Amino acid sequence: MNQADLVIRNAKIYTNGTFFEGAVAVKDGTITNVCLNGDAPEAVKTIDAKGRFLLPGMIESHMHIREPGRPDRGTFFTETKAAAAGGVTTILEHPIAKPPQYSKEILQNRINDAQDKCVVDFAFFAAAGSKHPDKIREMGETGIVAFKTFLHEAPEGRDEEFEGLTMANDGEMYFGFREVAKTGKLCAVHAENNDVISKLIKEFRKEGKVSPIYHCLSRPKFAEYETVSKLLMIAKDCKVKLIFCHMSTPESMELIKKAKQEGLEVYMETCPQYLFLTEDDVVNHGAYAKCNPPLRKREDVEALWNYVNDGSVDFIGSDHATYTVAEKESGKDDIFKAPSGFLGVDLRLPLMLNAVNQNRLSFERAIDLLSTNVAKSFGLYPRKGVINAGADADFVLVDMDGTFVVDKEKNYSQSKNIARVYDGWELKGKPVMTVVRGRIVMEDGIVDEESMGWGRLIETYHK
């Protein structure tokens, strides 16, 4: 038997929906064998997993990187280091950049920027908006994994970041989604009613109601599920395949669940913040816990778990968003001034492993939500999201008994100083090694700085 580059022995390997005790062998970045320990080939490097769990590498479905426009917030290097630390081996990058990739030229510039910096593999969403409808078909012919659009005008002062990324009214949505449908690609949407939200913010400000809780009150549940309902009707008529990003209300999830049962091809994402945090965290942390949609009441949070467990939710992304402390502090006296979003790529897996240990969901379901289903939904399977011969050798070794206390100072993100919402949490279950195409890029929480540029572009032509 030929010598392998890497063999991981004595592991509980997740393969084909179940756990198998044995070994996995790697040659030239690809899995060659999943076998009993005694059948593993000799290898240049052998790792004893000591009975810990070997999972397919995690795939981050919702990641924002601000480079080249705002490297002060984070770069492809810093943010993929944070990803590697969290057991992520592939990121799918959503466009909010200067400018977002609505054309082939902009996309190529971002690829050029990423390819010598990324520690993990990377793929791109493309921007879809009403201003450049001719570019949608062009972008559909590239290797993007999906489109992304926002259903409102660019936020105040952020025109460059949202260029070609918005469909601001129903008419623009109708024509824009018809163009996306022609490409056969998925289209991710941020489903909130901006007209309702803008009016509420205006009224609250007029009344001097600008403390943190008013961020939540300005974006009521209705603003989400009303928009989901409308988008489902548009999707059916336009025959566009939508991804509903970061769903935060049980009403929205119920609508999407029923649409799926009726045969509509739509996908649903939620995020750890909607499963573990509440509006009390916004009161406690202010702008550092500000995100869109906002954090909800405890009863809504608890209700979401029903849809996580019954198969309705397709995947869980972090919506990792980087900002400076100064940007977050701008909301100190007026919550509406601060930008929305916070970090999460590093804690997405540990938070869900902790939930597995608490019997909130099965281990198998967690892996599907964080890896396998992401790969299947975006046309990356069976190259990614599975431990089988012929797949990329992307793994995360996890210690389900290992506990640790979240410490923002150990975060690899450029924006680690805004990572306050989970700081001090004690979690059980942690990634101890991340392997990208056969290369160990993280071990015992330490990311290999020499892995800069190891990540490569992943493309899909899946329809």
Foldseek 3Di string as FASTA:
>chain_A
DDAFAEKEFQAQECFPLHTDHAMWTAHQQFTADDDHPVPDHHHPYYHYLNHFHKFFAFEFEAAEDAPPACCLQHALQLVLLLLQLQRHQEYEYAAQYQDFALAPVVVVVVQVRNQQFHLHAYAYAGAAWLVCLVSLLVVLPWQHLAHEAEQAQDPPPRNRRCPNHYQPDPVRCLVRQLSNVVSVHEYEYQQFQVVQLVVQLVVCVVVQNFFQLSLQVSGDPCRRQVRLVVVLVSCVVSVHEYEYEADQFVSSLVVQLVSVVVPRRYAYEHEVCSQPHASVLCNVQPLLQFAPVHGHHPVRNVSVLVCLAVVSHQAYHHNADTDAPVLSCVSVSGSVSHDHHHGDSNCRVQSVLQCCVVVSHPPSSNLRRGWVSSCVNRVNPPQGSRRDGGHRPWIWTKDQADKDFDALVLRSGSRSVSNPSRHGPITGMGTAWTAHSRRTQHHRSDGDSVSGSVHHYDGHSRD
